[in-house]
Amino acid sequence: MSKYDVLADYLKTCGKTVIRLSFDTIEEILGFKLPQSAHKFKEWWSNNDMGHSHAAGWLGANYKVSNLSQTDKWVEFTKE
């Protein structure tokens, strides 16, 4: 079980094809702060689950990151 499973569960039950979440909202869902790398590096949000439990979470929920603004601190997920 990954600490990011709660985000996957949220996405699975949101009922939306496209959902935009602020970093703050994601942190509320998770119950902890995102790592600094999520704020600094767009690669953290890549749709590559090879060893990345956070990406495995949204990919496992059949979502991909489709848009991102690290300046405005939001990420958009789109259901596959």
C-alpha atoms as a PDB file:
ATOM      1  CA  MET A   1       0.000   0.000   0.000  1.00  0.00           C
ATOM      2  CA  SER A   2       1.286   3.431  -0.976  1.00  0.00           C
ATOM      3  CA  LYS A   3       0.750   6.662   0.895  1.00  0.00           C
ATOM      4  CA  TYR A   4      -0.633   8.015  -2.399  1.00  0.00           C
ATOM      5  CA  ASP A   5      -3.446   5.432  -2.572  1.00  0.00           C
ATOM      6  CA  VAL A   6      -5.845   7.903  -0.982  1.00  0.00           C
ATOM      7  CA  LEU A   7      -5.397  10.204  -4.001  1.00  0.00           C
ATOM      8  CA  ALA A   8      -6.087   7.268  -6.322  1.00  0.00           C
ATOM      9  CA  ASP A   9      -9.241   6.471  -4.335  1.00  0.00           C
ATOM     10  CA  TYR A  10     -10.338  10.104  -4.587  1.00  0.00           C
ATOM     11  CA  LEU A  11      -9.874  10.089  -8.364  1.00  0.00           C
ATOM     12  CA  LYS A  12     -11.699   6.764  -8.740  1.00  0.00           C
ATOM     13  CA  THR A  13     -14.750   8.120  -6.945  1.00  0.00           C
ATOM     14  CA  CYS A  14     -14.804  11.714  -8.233  1.00  0.00           C
ATOM     15  CA  GLY A  15     -16.934  10.792 -11.249  1.00  0.00           C
ATOM     16  CA  LYS A  16     -15.238  13.320 -13.530  1.00  0.00           C
ATOM     17  CA  THR A  17     -13.481  12.859 -16.842  1.00  0.00           C
ATOM     18  CA  VAL A  18     -11.244  15.874 -16.198  1.00  0.00           C
ATOM     19  CA  ILE A  19     -10.447  17.180 -12.748  1.00  0.00           C
ATOM     20  CA  ARG A  20      -8.170  20.087 -11.809  1.00  0.00           C
ATOM     21  CA  LEU A  21      -6.837  20.072  -8.257  1.00  0.00           C
ATOM     22  CA  SER A  22      -4.698  22.646  -6.525  1.00  0.00           C
ATOM     23  CA  PHE A  23      -1.600  21.429  -4.754  1.00  0.00           C
ATOM     24  CA  ASP A  24      -3.280  22.507  -1.500  1.00  0.00           C
ATOM     25  CA  THR A  25      -6.312  20.336  -2.250  1.00  0.00           C
ATOM     26  CA  ILE A  26      -4.102  17.368  -3.084  1.00  0.00           C
ATOM     27  CA  GLU A  27      -2.303  17.857   0.228  1.00  0.00           C
ATOM     28  CA  GLU A  28      -5.657  17.937   2.035  1.00  0.00           C
ATOM     29  CA  ILE A  29      -6.683  14.703   0.311  1.00  0.00           C
ATOM     30  CA  LEU A  30      -3.356  13.051   1.125  1.00  0.00           C
ATOM     31  CA  GLY A  31      -3.083  14.365   4.657  1.00  0.00           C
ATOM     32  CA  PHE A  32       0.519  15.456   4.155  1.00  0.00           C
ATOM     33  CA  LYS A  33       2.564  17.990   2.199  1.00  0.00           C
ATOM     34  CA  LEU A  34       3.753  17.228  -1.310  1.00  0.00           C
ATOM     35  CA  PRO A  35       7.520  16.940  -1.568  1.00  0.00           C
ATOM     36  CA  GLN A  36       9.474  19.968  -2.748  1.00  0.00           C
ATOM     37  CA  SER A  37      10.262  18.096  -5.978  1.00  0.00           C
ATOM     38  CA  ALA A  38       6.531  18.219  -6.852  1.00  0.00           C
ATOM     39  CA  HIS A  39       6.737  22.002  -6.630  1.00  0.00           C
ATOM     40  CA  LYS A  40      10.037  22.345  -8.487  1.00  0.00           C
ATOM     41  CA  PHE A  41      10.191  19.646 -11.163  1.00  0.00           C
ATOM     42  CA  LYS A  42       7.531  18.944 -13.785  1.00  0.00           C
ATOM     43  CA  GLU A  43       9.036  15.464 -14.125  1.00  0.00           C
ATOM     44  CA  TRP A  44       7.581  14.588 -10.709  1.00  0.00           C
ATOM     45  CA  TRP A  45       4.166  14.761 -12.391  1.00  0.00           C
ATOM     46  CA  SER A  46       5.120  12.550 -15.330  1.00  0.00           C
ATOM     47  CA  ASN A  47       2.881   9.631 -16.197  1.00  0.00           C
ATOM     48  CA  ASN A  48       5.662   7.135 -15.555  1.00  0.00           C
ATOM     49  CA  ASP A  49       5.006   4.693 -12.741  1.00  0.00           C
ATOM     50  CA  MET A  50       8.416   3.002 -12.949  1.00  0.00           C
ATOM     51  CA  GLY A  51       9.334   3.182  -9.284  1.00  0.00           C
ATOM     52  CA  HIS A  52       7.126   6.212  -8.627  1.00  0.00           C
ATOM     53  CA  SER A  53       4.320   5.367  -6.220  1.00  0.00           C
ATOM     54  CA  HIS A  54       2.659   8.757  -6.679  1.00  0.00           C
ATOM     55  CA  ALA A  55       2.297   8.252 -10.456  1.00  0.00           C
ATOM     56  CA  ALA A  56       1.250   4.635  -9.975  1.00  0.00           C
ATOM     57  CA  GLY A  57      -1.630   5.987  -7.900  1.00  0.00           C
ATOM     58  CA  TRP A  58      -3.221   8.180 -10.548  1.00  0.00           C
ATOM     59  CA  LEU A  59      -2.364   5.758 -13.348  1.00  0.00           C
ATOM     60  CA  GLY A  60      -3.929   2.922 -11.364  1.00  0.00           C
ATOM     61  CA  ALA A  61      -7.088   5.012 -11.098  1.00  0.00           C
ATOM     62  CA  ASN A  62      -7.044   5.303 -14.937  1.00  0.00           C
ATOM     63  CA  TYR A  63      -6.083   8.984 -14.930  1.00  0.00           C
ATOM     64  CA  LYS A  64      -3.134  10.764 -16.484  1.00  0.00           C
ATOM     65  CA  VAL A  65      -1.713  14.182 -15.755  1.00  0.00           C
ATOM     66  CA  SER A  66      -2.865  16.202 -18.744  1.00  0.00           C
ATOM     67  CA  ASN A  67      -1.928  19.718 -17.656  1.00  0.00           C
ATOM     68  CA  LEU A  68       0.157  21.296 -14.933  1.00  0.00           C
ATOM     69  CA  SER A  69       0.982  24.742 -13.597  1.00  0.00           C
ATOM     70  CA  GLN A  70       3.720  24.770 -11.017  1.00  0.00           C
ATOM     71  CA  THR A  71       3.521  28.569 -10.986  1.00  0.00           C
ATOM     72  CA  ASP A  72      -0.174  28.555 -10.059  1.00  0.00           C
ATOM     73  CA  LYS A  73       0.175  25.245  -8.191  1.00  0.00           C
ATOM     74  CA  TRP A  74      -2.442  23.037  -9.814  1.00  0.00           C
ATOM     75  CA  VAL A  75      -2.552  19.797 -11.751  1.00  0.00           C
ATOM     76  CA  GLU A  76      -5.193  18.506 -14.124  1.00  0.00           C
ATOM     77  CA  PHE A  77      -5.964  14.803 -14.402  1.00  0.00           C
ATOM     78  CA  THR A  78      -7.853  13.286 -17.341  1.00  0.00           C
ATOM     79  CA  LYS A  79      -9.516   9.888 -17.231  1.00  0.00           C
ATOM     80  CA  GLU A  80      -8.354   7.485 -19.903  1.00  0.00           C
END
